[in-house]
C-alpha atoms as a PDB file:
ATOM      1  CA  MET A   1      -0.015   0.055   0.034  1.00  0.00           C
ATOM      2  CA  LYS A   2       2.854   2.282   0.626  1.00  0.00           C
ATOM      3  CA  THR A   3       3.887   2.077  -3.016  1.00  0.00           C
ATOM      4  CA  VAL A   4       0.397   3.181  -4.104  1.00  0.00           C
ATOM      5  CA  LEU A   5       0.580   6.121  -1.792  1.00  0.00           C
ATOM      6  CA  TRP A   6       3.977   7.256  -3.247  1.00  0.00           C
ATOM      7  CA  ILE A   7       2.677   6.682  -6.903  1.00  0.00           C
ATOM      8  CA  TYR A   8      -0.464   8.792  -6.066  1.00  0.00           C
ATOM      9  CA  ALA A   9       1.626  11.528  -4.446  1.00  0.00           C
ATOM     10  CA  ALA A  10       3.983  11.561  -7.457  1.00  0.00           C
ATOM     11  CA  ILE A  11       1.061  11.813  -9.909  1.00  0.00           C
ATOM     12  CA  LEU A  12      -0.521  14.669  -7.843  1.00  0.00           C
ATOM     13  CA  GLY A  13       2.868  16.547  -7.542  1.00  0.00           C
ATOM     14  CA  THR A  14       3.593  16.282 -11.258  1.00  0.00           C
ATOM     15  CA  ALA A  15       0.133  17.197 -12.299  1.00  0.00           C
ATOM     16  CA  SER A  16       0.141  20.169  -9.882  1.00  0.00           C
ATOM     17  CA  LEU A  17       3.459  21.467 -11.116  1.00  0.00           C
ATOM     18  CA  ILE A  18       2.165  21.267 -14.756  1.00  0.00           C
ATOM     19  CA  ALA A  19      -1.128  23.009 -13.816  1.00  0.00           C
ATOM     20  CA  PHE A  20       0.802  25.808 -11.877  1.00  0.00           C
ATOM     21  CA  VAL A  21       3.092  26.446 -14.775  1.00  0.00           C
ATOM     22  CA  THR A  22       0.231  26.366 -17.301  1.00  0.00           C
ATOM     23  CA  TYR A  23      -1.833  28.914 -15.304  1.00  0.00           C
ATOM     24  CA  GLY A  24       1.116  31.174 -15.329  1.00  0.00           C
ATOM     25  CA  VAL A  25       1.784  30.686 -19.093  1.00  0.00           C
ATOM     26  CA  ASP A  26      -1.927  31.456 -19.837  1.00  0.00           C
ATOM     27  CA  LYS A  27      -1.775  34.659 -17.614  1.00  0.00           C
ATOM     28  CA  ALA A  28       1.226  35.730 -19.571  1.00  0.00           C
ATOM     29  CA  LYS A  29      -0.417  35.094 -22.797  1.00  0.00           C
ATOM     30  CA  ALA A  30      -3.578  36.923 -21.693  1.00  0.00           C
ATOM     31  CA  MET A  31      -1.448  40.040 -20.726  1.00  0.00           C
ATOM     32  CA  ARG A  32       0.280  39.944 -24.139  1.00  0.00           C
ATOM     33  CA  GLU A  33      -3.053  39.179 -26.005  1.00  0.00           C
ATOM     34  CA  GLY A  34      -1.494  36.023 -27.467  1.00  0.00           C
ATOM     35  CA  ASP A  35      -3.117  32.661 -28.230  1.00  0.00           C
ATOM     36  CA  ARG A  36      -4.657  31.412 -25.113  1.00  0.00           C
ATOM     37  CA  ILE A  37      -4.904  28.063 -23.317  1.00  0.00           C
ATOM     38  CA  SER A  38      -8.541  26.866 -23.281  1.00  0.00           C
ATOM     39  CA  GLU A  39     -10.517  26.962 -20.152  1.00  0.00           C
ATOM     40  CA  ARG A  40     -11.335  23.411 -20.739  1.00  0.00           C
ATOM     41  CA  VAL A  41      -7.664  22.449 -20.361  1.00  0.00           C
ATOM     42  CA  LEU A  42      -7.104  24.590 -17.343  1.00  0.00           C
ATOM     43  CA  LEU A  43     -10.019  22.877 -15.640  1.00  0.00           C
ATOM     44  CA  ALA A  44      -8.917  19.458 -16.795  1.00  0.00           C
ATOM     45  CA  LEU A  45      -5.509  19.870 -15.304  1.00  0.00           C
ATOM     46  CA  ALA A  46      -7.117  20.556 -11.965  1.00  0.00           C
ATOM     47  CA  VAL A  47      -9.494  17.562 -12.173  1.00  0.00           C
ATOM     48  CA  TYR A  48      -6.821  15.090 -13.367  1.00  0.00           C
ATOM     49  CA  GLY A  49      -4.601  15.540 -10.337  1.00  0.00           C
ATOM     50  CA  GLY A  50      -3.369  19.080 -10.487  1.00  0.00           C
ATOM     51  CA  ALA A  51      -5.803  20.741  -8.100  1.00  0.00           C
ATOM     52  CA  VAL A  52      -3.169  21.981  -5.746  1.00  0.00           C
ATOM     53  CA  GLY A  53      -1.209  23.463  -8.637  1.00  0.00           C
ATOM     54  CA  ALA A  54      -4.323  25.045 -10.212  1.00  0.00           C
ATOM     55  CA  PHE A  55      -5.410  26.545  -6.783  1.00  0.00           C
ATOM     56  CA  PHE A  56      -1.942  28.142  -6.238  1.00  0.00           C
ATOM     57  CA  GLY A  57      -1.590  29.067  -9.918  1.00  0.00           C
ATOM     58  CA  ARG A  58      -4.820  30.905  -9.783  1.00  0.00           C
ATOM     59  CA  THR A  59      -3.882  32.714  -6.512  1.00  0.00           C
ATOM     60  CA  VAL A  60      -0.277  33.527  -7.349  1.00  0.00           C
ATOM     61  CA  PHE A  61      -0.998  34.798 -10.918  1.00  0.00           C
ATOM     62  CA  ARG A  62      -4.427  36.186 -10.112  1.00  0.00           C
ATOM     63  CA  HIS A  63      -5.735  34.246 -13.073  1.00  0.00           C
ATOM     64  CA  LYS A  64      -9.473  33.260 -13.635  1.00  0.00           C
ATOM     65  CA  THR A  65     -10.280  34.334 -10.024  1.00  0.00           C
ATOM     66  CA  LYS A  66     -13.627  35.923 -11.010  1.00  0.00           C
ATOM     67  CA  LYS A  67     -14.935  32.864 -12.643  1.00  0.00           C
ATOM     68  CA  ASN A  68     -17.027  31.106 -10.098  1.00  0.00           C
ATOM     69  CA  TYR A  69     -17.097  27.784 -11.968  1.00  0.00           C
ATOM     70  CA  PHE A  70     -13.346  27.666 -11.673  1.00  0.00           C
ATOM     71  CA  THR A  71     -13.704  28.057  -7.948  1.00  0.00           C
ATOM     72  CA  LEU A  72     -16.242  25.230  -7.902  1.00  0.00           C
ATOM     73  CA  VAL A  73     -14.385  22.744 -10.068  1.00  0.00           C
ATOM     74  CA  ILE A  74     -10.793  23.365  -8.405  1.00  0.00           C
ATOM     75  CA  THR A  75     -12.251  23.246  -4.846  1.00  0.00           C
ATOM     76  CA  THR A  76     -14.109  20.044  -5.587  1.00  0.00           C
ATOM     77  CA  ALA A  77     -11.203  18.409  -7.297  1.00  0.00           C
ATOM     78  CA  LEU A  78      -8.853  19.505  -4.411  1.00  0.00           C
ATOM     79  CA  LEU A  79     -11.129  18.069  -1.860  1.00  0.00           C
ATOM     80  CA  LEU A  80     -11.433  14.752  -3.658  1.00  0.00           C
ATOM     81  CA  GLN A  81      -7.809  14.464  -4.264  1.00  0.00           C
ATOM     82  CA  VAL A  82      -6.927  15.288  -0.578  1.00  0.00           C
ATOM     83  CA  GLY A  83      -9.684  12.771   0.496  1.00  0.00           C
ATOM     84  CA  VAL A  84      -8.208   9.919  -1.609  1.00  0.00           C
ATOM     85  CA  PHE A  85      -4.729  10.827  -0.199  1.00  0.00           C
ATOM     86  CA  VAL A  86      -5.957  10.652   3.384  1.00  0.00           C
ATOM     87  CA  LEU A  87      -7.873   7.457   2.559  1.00  0.00           C
ATOM     88  CA  LEU A  88      -4.641   5.812   1.324  1.00  0.00           C
ATOM     89  CA  ILE A  89      -2.771   6.908   4.430  1.00  0.00           C
ATOM     90  CA  SER A  90      -5.444   5.517   6.701  1.00  0.00           C
ATOM     91  CA  LYS A  91      -5.470   2.331   4.934  1.00  0.00           C
ATOM     92  CA  GLY A  92      -1.815   1.673   5.678  1.00  0.00           C
ATOM     93  CA  GLY A  93      -0.026   3.814   3.213  1.00  0.00           C
ATOM     94  CA  ALA A  94       2.136   5.427   5.842  1.00  0.00           C
ATOM     95  CA  GLN A  95       3.341   2.207   7.477  1.00  0.00           C
END
Protein backbone atom coordinates (compact mmCIF):
# COMPACT_ATOMS: atom_id res chain seq x y z
CA MET A 1 0.00 0.00 0.00
CA LYS A 2 2.93 2.32 0.67
CA THR A 3 3.93 2.10 -3.00
CA VAL A 4 0.44 3.15 -4.09
CA LEU A 5 0.64 6.17 -1.79
CA TRP A 6 3.98 7.23 -3.27
CA ILE A 7 2.75 6.74 -6.83
CA TYR A 8 -0.39 8.77 -6.10
CA ALA A 9 1.67 11.52 -4.45
CA ALA A 10 4.01 11.60 -7.46
CA ILE A 11 1.07 11.87 -9.86
CA LEU A 12 -0.50 14.69 -7.84
CA GLY A 13 2.82 16.50 -7.54
CA THR A 14 3.62 16.25 -11.23
CA ALA A 15 0.11 17.23 -12.32
CA SER A 16 0.13 20.15 -9.86
CA LEU A 17 3.44 21.44 -11.16
CA ILE A 18 2.15 21.23 -14.73
CA ALA A 19 -1.10 22.99 -13.75
CA PHE A 20 0.74 25.77 -11.88
CA VAL A 21 3.06 26.46 -14.82
CA THR A 22 0.16 26.31 -17.29
CA TYR A 23 -1.84 28.88 -15.33
CA GLY A 24 1.22 31.14 -15.34
CA VAL A 25 1.75 30.71 -19.07
CA ASP A 26 -1.91 31.43 -19.82
CA LYS A 27 -1.82 34.56 -17.64
CA ALA A 28 1.28 35.77 -19.51
CA LYS A 29 -0.45 35.09 -22.83
CA ALA A 30 -3.53 36.96 -21.65
CA MET A 31 -1.44 40.00 -20.78
CA ARG A 32 0.25 39.92 -24.20
CA GLU A 33 -3.04 39.13 -25.96
CA GLY A 34 -1.55 36.02 -27.49
CA ASP A 35 -3.07 32.63 -28.24
CA ARG A 36 -4.65 31.38 -25.04
CA ILE A 37 -4.88 28.01 -23.34
CA SER A 38 -8.52 26.92 -23.29
CA GLU A 39 -10.49 26.97 -20.07
CA ARG A 40 -11.30 23.32 -20.68
CA VAL A 41 -7.59 22.44 -20.50
CA LEU A 42 -7.05 24.56 -17.38
CA LEU A 43 -9.96 22.86 -15.62
CA ALA A 44 -8.96 19.39 -16.82
CA LEU A 45 -5.51 19.85 -15.30
CA ALA A 46 -7.16 20.51 -11.95
CA VAL A 47 -9.53 17.56 -12.22
CA TYR A 48 -6.89 15.06 -13.31
CA GLY A 49 -4.59 15.51 -10.34
CA GLY A 50 -3.40 19.09 -10.49
CA ALA A 51 -5.89 20.76 -8.15
CA VAL A 52 -3.20 21.99 -5.75
CA GLY A 53 -1.21 23.54 -8.59
CA ALA A 54 -4.33 25.04 -10.16
CA PHE A 55 -5.34 26.53 -6.81
CA PHE A 56 -1.94 28.11 -6.24
CA GLY A 57 -1.58 29.11 -9.90
CA ARG A 58 -4.87 30.92 -9.73
CA THR A 59 -3.85 32.67 -6.53
CA VAL A 60 -0.25 33.56 -7.42
CA PHE A 61 -0.99 34.73 -10.96
CA ARG A 62 -4.43 36.18 -10.09
CA HIS A 63 -5.82 34.30 -13.03
CA LYS A 64 -9.45 33.27 -13.58
CA THR A 65 -10.30 34.42 -10.05
CA LYS A 66 -13.60 36.02 -11.04
CA LYS A 67 -14.92 32.87 -12.68
CA ASN A 68 -17.08 31.08 -10.11
CA TYR A 69 -17.08 27.78 -11.98
CA PHE A 70 -13.29 27.68 -11.69
CA THR A 71 -13.66 28.02 -7.93
CA LEU A 72 -16.23 25.22 -7.85
CA VAL A 73 -14.30 22.79 -10.03
CA ILE A 74 -10.90 23.40 -8.45
CA THR A 75 -12.24 23.24 -4.88
CA THR A 76 -14.17 20.04 -5.57
CA ALA A 77 -11.17 18.42 -7.25
CA LEU A 78 -8.90 19.51 -4.40
CA LEU A 79 -11.21 18.03 -1.77
CA LEU A 80 -11.48 14.75 -3.68
CA GLN A 81 -7.73 14.46 -4.26
CA VAL A 82 -6.91 15.23 -0.62
CA GLY A 83 -9.64 12.82 0.46
CA VAL A 84 -8.15 9.98 -1.57
CA PHE A 85 -4.69 10.81 -0.19
CA VAL A 86 -6.00 10.68 3.40
CA LEU A 87 -7.84 7.44 2.64
CA LEU A 88 -4.65 5.87 1.31
CA ILE A 89 -2.76 6.93 4.43
CA SER A 90 -5.47 5.59 6.71
CA LYS A 91 -5.47 2.25 4.90
CA GLY A 92 -1.83 1.67 5.69
CA GLY A 93 0.00 3.80 3.19
CA ALA A 94 2.11 5.45 5.90
CA GLN A 95 3.34 2.22 7.48
